[in-house]
Amino acid sequence: SGTLVETTYQVVNGNFQETVGSTTTVLYSNATISLTYYSSTTPYATALTTFTPTPSTSSNLIAVKIVVTVASDATKSSTYTEGNTYTTMVRLRNG
């Protein structure tokens, strides 16, 4: 239909949740999430440096690594596999 719906993911009290619009679904229990931030002072950097962004350094943020780990005894929805670690890297671009 061409309508955008905001989707967010978060860990609340060990539950990895997906919220689509106003509907929240627990995807995993016994979950953790970690974020690693990467910086560069050049837009086409080939080497990434980890750092903790601050208001004065956030313009150097070029990528974020997201790692979600689910314990093997976790309760799960039928869509997802338990006992795994899921990792992705998001490369940011300035528009």
PDB file of N, CA and C in Angstrom:
ATOM      1  N   SER A   1       0.813  -1.203   0.000  1.00  0.00           N
ATOM      2  CA  SER A   1       0.000   0.000   0.000  1.00  0.00           C
ATOM      3  C   SER A   1       0.850   1.258   0.000  1.00  0.00           C
ATOM      4  N   GLY A   2       2.162   1.116   0.210  1.00  0.00           N
ATOM      5  CA  GLY A   2       3.037   2.276   0.215  1.00  0.00           C
ATOM      6  C   GLY A   2       3.099   3.002   1.543  1.00  0.00           C
ATOM      7  N   THR A   3       2.483   2.463   2.583  1.00  0.00           N
ATOM      8  CA  THR A   3       2.497   3.091   3.894  1.00  0.00           C
ATOM      9  C   THR A   3       3.668   2.556   4.705  1.00  0.00           C
ATOM     10  N   LEU A   4       4.453   3.451   5.297  1.00  0.00           N
ATOM     11  CA  LEU A   4       5.555   3.036   6.151  1.00  0.00           C
ATOM     12  C   LEU A   4       5.051   2.806   7.563  1.00  0.00           C
ATOM     13  N   VAL A   5       5.491   1.703   8.171  1.00  0.00           N
ATOM     14  CA  VAL A   5       5.147   1.394   9.554  1.00  0.00           C
ATOM     15  C   VAL A   5       6.449   1.244  10.325  1.00  0.00           C
ATOM     16  N   GLU A   6       6.587   1.998  11.402  1.00  0.00           N
ATOM     17  CA  GLU A   6       7.800   1.930  12.209  1.00  0.00           C
ATOM     18  C   GLU A   6       7.913   0.564  12.869  1.00  0.00           C
ATOM     19  N   THR A   7       9.100  -0.056  12.761  1.00  0.00           N
ATOM     20  CA  THR A   7       9.390  -1.322  13.410  1.00  0.00           C
ATOM     21  C   THR A   7      10.621  -1.119  14.277  1.00  0.00           C
ATOM     22  N   THR A   8      10.518  -1.494  15.556  1.00  0.00           N
ATOM     23  CA  THR A   8      11.648  -1.362  16.466  1.00  0.00           C
ATOM     24  C   THR A   8      11.921  -2.704  17.135  1.00  0.00           C
ATOM     25  N   TYR A   9      13.184  -2.895  17.515  1.00  0.00           N
ATOM     26  CA  TYR A   9      13.618  -4.088  18.237  1.00  0.00           C
ATOM     27  C   TYR A   9      14.315  -3.626  19.500  1.00  0.00           C
ATOM     28  N   GLN A  10      14.066  -4.339  20.598  1.00  0.00           N
ATOM     29  CA  GLN A  10      14.707  -3.984  21.857  1.00  0.00           C
ATOM     30  C   GLN A  10      14.695  -5.182  22.791  1.00  0.00           C
ATOM     31  N   VAL A  11      15.581  -5.156  23.792  1.00  0.00           N
ATOM     32  CA  VAL A  11      15.581  -6.161  24.845  1.00  0.00           C
ATOM     33  C   VAL A  11      15.056  -5.496  26.099  1.00  0.00           C
ATOM     34  N   VAL A  12      13.978  -6.074  26.648  1.00  0.00           N
ATOM     35  CA  VAL A  12      13.375  -5.567  27.878  1.00  0.00           C
ATOM     36  C   VAL A  12      13.274  -6.742  28.848  1.00  0.00           C
ATOM     37  N   ASN A  13      13.966  -6.629  29.983  1.00  0.00           N
ATOM     38  CA  ASN A  13      13.968  -7.696  30.993  1.00  0.00           C
ATOM     39  C   ASN A  13      14.323  -9.053  30.389  1.00  0.00           C
ATOM     40  N   GLY A  14      15.294  -9.071  29.481  1.00  0.00           N
ATOM     41  CA  GLY A  14      15.731 -10.327  28.875  1.00  0.00           C
ATOM     42  C   GLY A  14      14.882 -10.811  27.717  1.00  0.00           C
ATOM     43  N   ASN A  15      13.807 -10.088  27.388  1.00  0.00           N
ATOM     44  CA  ASN A  15      12.952 -10.460  26.258  1.00  0.00           C
ATOM     45  C   ASN A  15      13.313  -9.617  25.045  1.00  0.00           C
ATOM     46  N   PHE A  16      13.678 -10.287  23.945  1.00  0.00           N
ATOM     47  CA  PHE A  16      13.946  -9.592  22.693  1.00  0.00           C
ATOM     48  C   PHE A  16      12.613  -9.388  22.001  1.00  0.00           C
ATOM     49  N   GLN A  17      12.220  -8.116  21.837  1.00  0.00           N
ATOM     50  CA  GLN A  17      10.889  -7.766  21.356  1.00  0.00           C
ATOM     51  C   GLN A  17      10.936  -7.042  20.018  1.00  0.00           C
ATOM     52  N   GLU A  18       9.909  -7.286  19.218  1.00  0.00           N
ATOM     53  CA  GLU A  18       9.693  -6.555  17.974  1.00  0.00           C
ATOM     54  C   GLU A  18       8.397  -5.782  18.132  1.00  0.00           C
ATOM     55  N   THR A  19       8.440  -4.495  17.829  1.00  0.00           N
ATOM     56  CA  THR A  19       7.229  -3.679  17.869  1.00  0.00           C
ATOM     57  C   THR A  19       6.975  -3.148  16.469  1.00  0.00           C
ATOM     58  N   VAL A  20       5.816  -3.499  15.928  1.00  0.00           N
ATOM     59  CA  VAL A  20       5.395  -3.025  14.611  1.00  0.00           C
ATOM     60  C   VAL A  20       4.163  -2.174  14.841  1.00  0.00           C
ATOM     61  N   GLY A  21       4.297  -0.868  14.546  1.00  0.00           N
ATOM     62  CA  GLY A  21       3.201   0.042  14.873  1.00  0.00           C
ATOM     63  C   GLY A  21       3.028   0.068  16.373  1.00  0.00           C
ATOM     64  N   SER A  22       1.877  -0.370  16.866  1.00  0.00           N
ATOM     65  CA  SER A  22       1.625  -0.408  18.307  1.00  0.00           C
ATOM     66  C   SER A  22       1.544  -1.833  18.843  1.00  0.00           C
ATOM     67  N   THR A  23       1.913  -2.837  18.035  1.00  0.00           N
ATOM     68  CA  THR A  23       1.846  -4.239  18.449  1.00  0.00           C
ATOM     69  C   THR A  23       3.241  -4.766  18.775  1.00  0.00           C
ATOM     70  N   THR A  24       3.418  -5.230  20.017  1.00  0.00           N
ATOM     71  CA  THR A  24       4.707  -5.764  20.458  1.00  0.00           C
ATOM     72  C   THR A  24       4.616  -7.277  20.592  1.00  0.00           C
ATOM     73  N   THR A  25       5.623  -7.973  20.041  1.00  0.00           N
ATOM     74  CA  THR A  25       5.710  -9.431  20.100  1.00  0.00           C
ATOM     75  C   THR A  25       7.060  -9.804  20.689  1.00  0.00           C
ATOM     76  N   VAL A  26       7.060 -10.724  21.667  1.00  0.00           N
ATOM     77  CA  VAL A  26       8.310 -11.238  22.218  1.00  0.00           C
ATOM     78  C   VAL A  26       8.816 -12.315  21.266  1.00  0.00           C
ATOM     79  N   LEU A  27      10.007 -12.093  20.694  1.00  0.00           N
ATOM     80  CA  LEU A  27      10.594 -13.066  19.784  1.00  0.00           C
ATOM     81  C   LEU A  27      11.427 -14.097  20.525  1.00  0.00           C
ATOM     82  N   TYR A  28      12.139 -13.663  21.583  1.00  0.00           N
ATOM     83  CA  TYR A  28      12.973 -14.550  22.390  1.00  0.00           C
ATOM     84  C   TYR A  28      12.916 -14.117  23.840  1.00  0.00           C
ATOM     85  N   SER A  29      13.100 -15.074  24.733  1.00  0.00           N
ATOM     86  CA  SER A  29      13.423 -14.727  26.115  1.00  0.00           C
ATOM     87  C   SER A  29      14.874 -15.133  26.337  1.00  0.00           C
ATOM     88  N   ASN A  30      15.445 -14.759  27.463  1.00  0.00           N
ATOM     89  CA  ASN A  30      16.868 -15.018  27.752  1.00  0.00           C
ATOM     90  C   ASN A  30      17.763 -14.466  26.659  1.00  0.00           C
ATOM     91  N   ALA A  31      17.514 -13.257  26.250  1.00  0.00           N
ATOM     92  CA  ALA A  31      18.277 -12.640  25.160  1.00  0.00           C
ATOM     93  C   ALA A  31      19.104 -11.470  25.679  1.00  0.00           C
ATOM     94  N   THR A  32      20.218 -11.236  24.983  1.00  0.00           N
ATOM     95  CA  THR A  32      21.022 -10.046  25.243  1.00  0.00           C
ATOM     96  C   THR A  32      21.309  -9.381  23.905  1.00  0.00           C
ATOM     97  N   ILE A  33      21.554  -8.095  23.955  1.00  0.00           N
ATOM     98  CA  ILE A  33      21.902  -7.349  22.749  1.00  0.00           C
ATOM     99  C   ILE A  33      23.115  -6.478  23.072  1.00  0.00           C
ATOM    100  N   SER A  34      24.027  -6.391  22.121  1.00  0.00           N
ATOM    101  CA  SER A  34      25.167  -5.493  22.304  1.00  0.00           C
ATOM    102  C   SER A  34      25.384  -4.701  21.027  1.00  0.00           C
ATOM    103  N   LEU A  35      25.833  -3.479  21.207  1.00  0.00           N
ATOM    104  CA  LEU A  35      26.113  -2.581  20.089  1.00  0.00           C
ATOM    105  C   LEU A  35      27.577  -2.167  20.157  1.00  0.00           C
ATOM    106  N   THR A  36      28.252  -2.209  19.026  1.00  0.00           N
ATOM    107  CA  THR A  36      29.619  -1.712  18.917  1.00  0.00           C
ATOM    108  C   THR A  36      29.609  -0.603  17.882  1.00  0.00           C
ATOM    109  N   TYR A  37      30.142   0.530  18.244  1.00  0.00           N
ATOM    110  CA  TYR A  37      30.130   1.699  17.371  1.00  0.00           C
ATOM    111  C   TYR A  37      31.496   1.864  16.716  1.00  0.00           C
ATOM    112  N   TYR A  38      31.499   2.265  15.447  1.00  0.00           N
ATOM    113  CA  TYR A  38      32.739   2.444  14.695  1.00  0.00           C
ATOM    114  C   TYR A  38      32.798   3.863  14.147  1.00  0.00           C
ATOM    115  N   SER A  39      34.016   4.424  14.159  1.00  0.00           N
ATOM    116  CA  SER A  39      34.198   5.793  13.697  1.00  0.00           C
ATOM    117  C   SER A  39      35.244   5.867  12.605  1.00  0.00           C
ATOM    118  N   SER A  40      35.222   6.998  11.925  1.00  0.00           N
ATOM    119  CA  SER A  40      36.243   7.348  10.956  1.00  0.00           C
ATOM    120  C   SER A  40      36.156   8.847  10.725  1.00  0.00           C
ATOM    121  N   THR A  41      37.257   9.424  10.379  1.00  0.00           N
ATOM    122  CA  THR A  41      37.254  10.852  10.048  1.00  0.00           C
ATOM    123  C   THR A  41      37.195  11.066   8.549  1.00  0.00           C
ATOM    124  N   THR A  42      37.178   9.974   7.776  1.00  0.00           N
ATOM    125  CA  THR A  42      37.052  10.072   6.321  1.00  0.00           C
ATOM    126  C   THR A  42      35.848   9.265   5.868  1.00  0.00           C
ATOM    127  N   PRO A  43      35.130   9.717   4.860  1.00  0.00           N
ATOM    128  CA  PRO A  43      33.892   9.043   4.458  1.00  0.00           C
ATOM    129  C   PRO A  43      34.080   7.680   3.796  1.00  0.00           C
ATOM    130  N   TYR A  44      35.244   7.414   3.218  1.00  0.00           N
ATOM    131  CA  TYR A  44      35.451   6.146   2.513  1.00  0.00           C
ATOM    132  C   TYR A  44      36.484   5.277   3.219  1.00  0.00           C
ATOM    133  N   ALA A  45      36.432   5.255   4.525  1.00  0.00           N
ATOM    134  CA  ALA A  45      37.412   4.514   5.318  1.00  0.00           C
ATOM    135  C   ALA A  45      37.305   3.016   5.061  1.00  0.00           C
ATOM    136  N   THR A  46      38.430   2.351   5.015  1.00  0.00           N
ATOM    137  CA  THR A  46      38.446   0.896   4.878  1.00  0.00           C
ATOM    138  C   THR A  46      38.763   0.224   6.207  1.00  0.00           C
ATOM    139  N   ALA A  47      39.286   0.970   7.164  1.00  0.00           N
ATOM    140  CA  ALA A  47      39.554   0.449   8.499  1.00  0.00           C
ATOM    141  C   ALA A  47      38.587   1.106   9.479  1.00  0.00           C
ATOM    142  N   LEU A  48      38.022   0.300  10.356  1.00  0.00           N
ATOM    143  CA  LEU A  48      37.075   0.811  11.338  1.00  0.00           C
ATOM    144  C   LEU A  48      37.726   0.850  12.710  1.00  0.00           C
ATOM    145  N   THR A  49      37.412   1.890  13.474  1.00  0.00           N
ATOM    146  CA  THR A  49      37.925   2.054  14.826  1.00  0.00           C
ATOM    147  C   THR A  49      36.741   2.076  15.778  1.00  0.00           C
ATOM    148  N   THR A  50      36.759   1.236  16.817  1.00  0.00           N
ATOM    149  CA  THR A  50      35.663   1.249  17.788  1.00  0.00           C
ATOM    150  C   THR A  50      35.789   2.490  18.664  1.00  0.00           C
ATOM    151  N   PHE A  51      34.637   3.012  19.074  1.00  0.00           N
ATOM    152  CA  PHE A  51      34.630   4.179  19.958  1.00  0.00           C
ATOM    153  C   PHE A  51      33.271   4.298  20.624  1.00  0.00           C
ATOM    154  N   THR A  52      33.194   5.152  21.623  1.00  0.00           N
ATOM    155  CA  THR A  52      31.938   5.470  22.297  1.00  0.00           C
ATOM    156  C   THR A  52      31.515   6.848  21.836  1.00  0.00           C
ATOM    157  N   PRO A  53      30.419   6.941  21.078  1.00  0.00           N
ATOM    158  CA  PRO A  53      30.020   8.253  20.561  1.00  0.00           C
ATOM    159  C   PRO A  53      29.560   9.199  21.665  1.00  0.00           C
ATOM    160  N   THR A  54      29.870  10.454  21.470  1.00  0.00           N
ATOM    161  CA  THR A  54      29.416  11.540  22.339  1.00  0.00           C
ATOM    162  C   THR A  54      28.791  12.583  21.431  1.00  0.00           C
ATOM    163  N   PRO A  55      28.105  13.570  21.981  1.00  0.00           N
ATOM    164  CA  PRO A  55      27.539  14.610  21.117  1.00  0.00           C
ATOM    165  C   PRO A  55      28.580  15.277  20.209  1.00  0.00           C
ATOM    166  N   SER A  56      29.804  15.413  20.691  1.00  0.00           N
ATOM    167  CA  SER A  56      30.817  16.086  19.875  1.00  0.00           C
ATOM    168  C   SER A  56      31.496  15.156  18.870  1.00  0.00           C
ATOM    169  N   THR A  57      31.395  13.830  19.052  1.00  0.00           N
ATOM    170  CA  THR A  57      32.047  12.895  18.123  1.00  0.00           C
ATOM    171  C   THR A  57      31.063  12.096  17.283  1.00  0.00           C
ATOM    172  N   SER A  58      29.771  12.288  17.478  1.00  0.00           N
ATOM    173  CA  SER A  58      28.779  11.469  16.767  1.00  0.00           C
ATOM    174  C   SER A  58      28.831  11.663  15.252  1.00  0.00           C
ATOM    175  N   SER A  59      29.370  12.775  14.785  1.00  0.00           N
ATOM    176  CA  SER A  59      29.473  12.970  13.339  1.00  0.00           C
ATOM    177  C   SER A  59      30.488  12.021  12.711  1.00  0.00           C
ATOM    178  N   ASN A  60      31.345  11.418  13.528  1.00  0.00           N
ATOM    179  CA  ASN A  60      32.316  10.441  13.029  1.00  0.00           C
ATOM    180  C   ASN A  60      31.777   9.015  13.007  1.00  0.00           C
ATOM    181  N   LEU A  61      30.558   8.803  13.473  1.00  0.00           N
ATOM    182  CA  LEU A  61      29.955   7.471  13.507  1.00  0.00           C
ATOM    183  C   LEU A  61      29.674   7.004  12.082  1.00  0.00           C
ATOM    184  N   ILE A  62      30.271   5.866  11.682  1.00  0.00           N
ATOM    185  CA  ILE A  62      30.070   5.376  10.311  1.00  0.00           C
ATOM    186  C   ILE A  62      29.464   3.980  10.254  1.00  0.00           C
ATOM    187  N   ALA A  63      29.466   3.244  11.383  1.00  0.00           N
ATOM    188  CA  ALA A  63      28.904   1.896  11.356  1.00  0.00           C
ATOM    189  C   ALA A  63      28.550   1.467  12.770  1.00  0.00           C
ATOM    190  N   VAL A  64      27.591   0.525  12.850  1.00  0.00           N
ATOM    191  CA  VAL A  64      27.192  -0.052  14.126  1.00  0.00           C
ATOM    192  C   VAL A  64      27.075  -1.561  13.937  1.00  0.00           C
ATOM    193  N   LYS A  65      27.728  -2.303  14.823  1.00  0.00           N
ATOM    194  CA  LYS A  65      27.610  -3.764  14.825  1.00  0.00           C
ATOM    195  C   LYS A  65      26.586  -4.132  15.887  1.00  0.00           C
ATOM    196  N   ILE A  66      25.623  -4.957  15.513  1.00  0.00           N
ATOM    197  CA  ILE A  66      24.559  -5.373  16.419  1.00  0.00           C
ATOM    198  C   ILE A  66      24.666  -6.880  16.618  1.00  0.00           C
ATOM    199  N   VAL A  67      24.747  -7.314  17.881  1.00  0.00           N
ATOM    200  CA  VAL A  67      24.840  -8.737  18.196  1.00  0.00           C
ATOM    201  C   VAL A  67      23.727  -9.079  19.177  1.00  0.00           C
ATOM    202  N   VAL A  68      22.891 -10.048  18.799  1.00  0.00           N
ATOM    203  CA  VAL A  68      21.832 -10.556  19.677  1.00  0.00           C
ATOM    204  C   VAL A  68      22.148 -12.008  19.971  1.00  0.00           C
ATOM    205  N   THR A  69      22.218 -12.355  21.259  1.00  0.00           N
ATOM    206  CA  THR A  69      22.482 -13.721  21.677  1.00  0.00           C
ATOM    207  C   THR A  69      21.272 -14.241  22.438  1.00  0.00           C
ATOM    208  N   VAL A  70      20.876 -15.480  22.117  1.00  0.00           N
ATOM    209  CA  VAL A  70      19.727 -16.100  22.761  1.00  0.00           C
ATOM    210  C   VAL A  70      20.203 -17.378  23.437  1.00  0.00           C
ATOM    211  N   ALA A  71      19.892 -17.537  24.722  1.00  0.00           N
ATOM    212  CA  ALA A  71      20.298 -18.734  25.461  1.00  0.00           C
ATOM    213  C   ALA A  71      19.600 -19.963  24.896  1.00  0.00           C
ATOM    214  N   SER A  72      20.249 -21.117  25.038  1.00  0.00           N
ATOM    215  CA  SER A  72      19.708 -22.340  24.433  1.00  0.00           C
ATOM    216  C   SER A  72      18.414 -22.810  25.072  1.00  0.00           C
ATOM    217  N   ASP A  73      18.110 -22.352  26.275  1.00  0.00           N
ATOM    218  CA  ASP A  73      16.855 -22.736  26.912  1.00  0.00           C
ATOM    219  C   ASP A  73      15.783 -21.664  26.761  1.00  0.00           C
ATOM    220  N   ALA A  74      15.991 -20.760  25.808  1.00  0.00           N
ATOM    221  CA  ALA A  74      15.085 -19.621  25.635  1.00  0.00           C
ATOM    222  C   ALA A  74      13.741 -20.056  25.063  1.00  0.00           C
ATOM    223  N   THR A  75      12.711 -19.367  25.487  1.00  0.00           N
ATOM    224  CA  THR A  75      11.401 -19.525  24.869  1.00  0.00           C
ATOM    225  C   THR A  75      11.438 -18.780  23.544  1.00  0.00           C
ATOM    226  N   LYS A  76      10.848 -19.343  22.523  1.00  0.00           N
ATOM    227  CA  LYS A  76      10.948 -18.720  21.209  1.00  0.00           C
ATOM    228  C   LYS A  76       9.614 -18.758  20.488  1.00  0.00           C
ATOM    229  N   SER A  77       9.485 -17.894  19.517  1.00  0.00           N
ATOM    230  CA  SER A  77       8.350 -17.996  18.614  1.00  0.00           C
ATOM    231  C   SER A  77       8.680 -19.060  17.586  1.00  0.00           C
ATOM    232  N   SER A  78       7.729 -19.501  16.816  1.00  0.00           N
ATOM    233  CA  SER A  78       7.957 -20.576  15.856  1.00  0.00           C
ATOM    234  C   SER A  78       8.818 -20.139  14.680  1.00  0.00           C
ATOM    235  N   THR A  79       9.059 -18.839  14.534  1.00  0.00           N
ATOM    236  CA  THR A  79       9.809 -18.332  13.389  1.00  0.00           C
ATOM    237  C   THR A  79      11.315 -18.396  13.603  1.00  0.00           C
ATOM    238  N   TYR A  80      11.776 -18.384  14.851  1.00  0.00           N
ATOM    239  CA  TYR A  80      13.195 -18.209  15.135  1.00  0.00           C
ATOM    240  C   TYR A  80      13.793 -19.432  15.809  1.00  0.00           C
ATOM    241  N   THR A  81      15.106 -19.618  15.639  1.00  0.00           N
ATOM    242  CA  THR A  81      15.835 -20.733  16.225  1.00  0.00           C
ATOM    243  C   THR A  81      16.479 -20.281  17.526  1.00  0.00           C
ATOM    244  N   GLU A  82      16.453 -21.137  18.539  1.00  0.00           N
ATOM    245  CA  GLU A  82      17.051 -20.784  19.826  1.00  0.00           C
ATOM    246  C   GLU A  82      18.503 -21.221  19.906  1.00  0.00           C
ATOM    247  N   GLY A  83      19.227 -20.692  20.890  1.00  0.00           N
ATOM    248  CA  GLY A  83      20.596 -21.080  21.135  1.00  0.00           C
ATOM    249  C   GLY A  83      21.575 -20.552  20.109  1.00  0.00           C
ATOM    250  N   ASN A  84      21.339 -19.387  19.577  1.00  0.00           N
ATOM    251  CA  ASN A  84      22.189 -18.827  18.536  1.00  0.00           C
ATOM    252  C   ASN A  84      22.576 -17.398  18.838  1.00  0.00           C
ATOM    253  N   THR A  85      23.569 -16.943  18.091  1.00  0.00           N
ATOM    254  CA  THR A  85      23.980 -15.541  18.102  1.00  0.00           C
ATOM    255  C   THR A  85      23.767 -14.984  16.706  1.00  0.00           C
ATOM    256  N   TYR A  86      23.101 -13.854  16.630  1.00  0.00           N
ATOM    257  CA  TYR A  86      22.811 -13.194  15.361  1.00  0.00           C
ATOM    258  C   TYR A  86      23.595 -11.885  15.320  1.00  0.00           C
ATOM    259  N   THR A  87      24.316 -11.667  14.234  1.00  0.00           N
ATOM    260  CA  THR A  87      25.176 -10.493  14.111  1.00  0.00           C
ATOM    261  C   THR A  87      24.923  -9.807  12.780  1.00  0.00           C
ATOM    262  N   THR A  88      24.893  -8.483  12.823  1.00  0.00           N
ATOM    263  CA  THR A  88      24.825  -7.712  11.587  1.00  0.00           C
ATOM    264  C   THR A  88      25.610  -6.427  11.754  1.00  0.00           C
ATOM    265  N   MET A  89      26.081  -5.888  10.646  1.00  0.00           N
ATOM    266  CA  MET A  89      26.799  -4.621  10.654  1.00  0.00           C
ATOM    267  C   MET A  89      25.990  -3.647   9.801  1.00  0.00           C
ATOM    268  N   VAL A  90      25.732  -2.472  10.348  1.00  0.00           N
ATOM    269  CA  VAL A  90      24.988  -1.445   9.614  1.00  0.00           C
ATOM    270  C   VAL A  90      25.965  -0.327   9.286  1.00  0.00           C
ATOM    271  N   ARG A  91      26.129  -0.060   8.001  1.00  0.00           N
ATOM    272  CA  ARG A  91      27.018   1.031   7.556  1.00  0.00           C
ATOM    273  C   ARG A  91      26.146   2.268   7.365  1.00  0.00           C
ATOM    274  N   LEU A  92      26.498   3.359   8.018  1.00  0.00           N
ATOM    275  CA  LEU A  92      25.699   4.585   7.961  1.00  0.00           C
ATOM    276  C   LEU A  92      26.217   5.496   6.860  1.00  0.00           C
ATOM    277  N   ARG A  93      25.287   6.222   6.264  1.00  0.00           N
ATOM    278  CA  ARG A  93      25.646   7.197   5.216  1.00  0.00           C
ATOM    279  C   ARG A  93      24.997   8.523   5.545  1.00  0.00           C
ATOM    280  N   ASN A  94      25.709   9.581   5.300  1.00  0.00           N
ATOM    281  CA  ASN A  94      25.127  10.919   5.445  1.00  0.00           C
ATOM    282  C   ASN A  94      24.474  11.300   4.132  1.00  0.00           C
ATOM    283  N   GLY A  95      23.253  11.831   4.215  1.00  0.00           N
ATOM    284  CA  GLY A  95      22.505  12.128   3.011  1.00  0.00           C
ATOM    285  C   GLY A  95      22.685  13.445   2.514  1.00  0.00           C
TER     286      GLY A  95
END
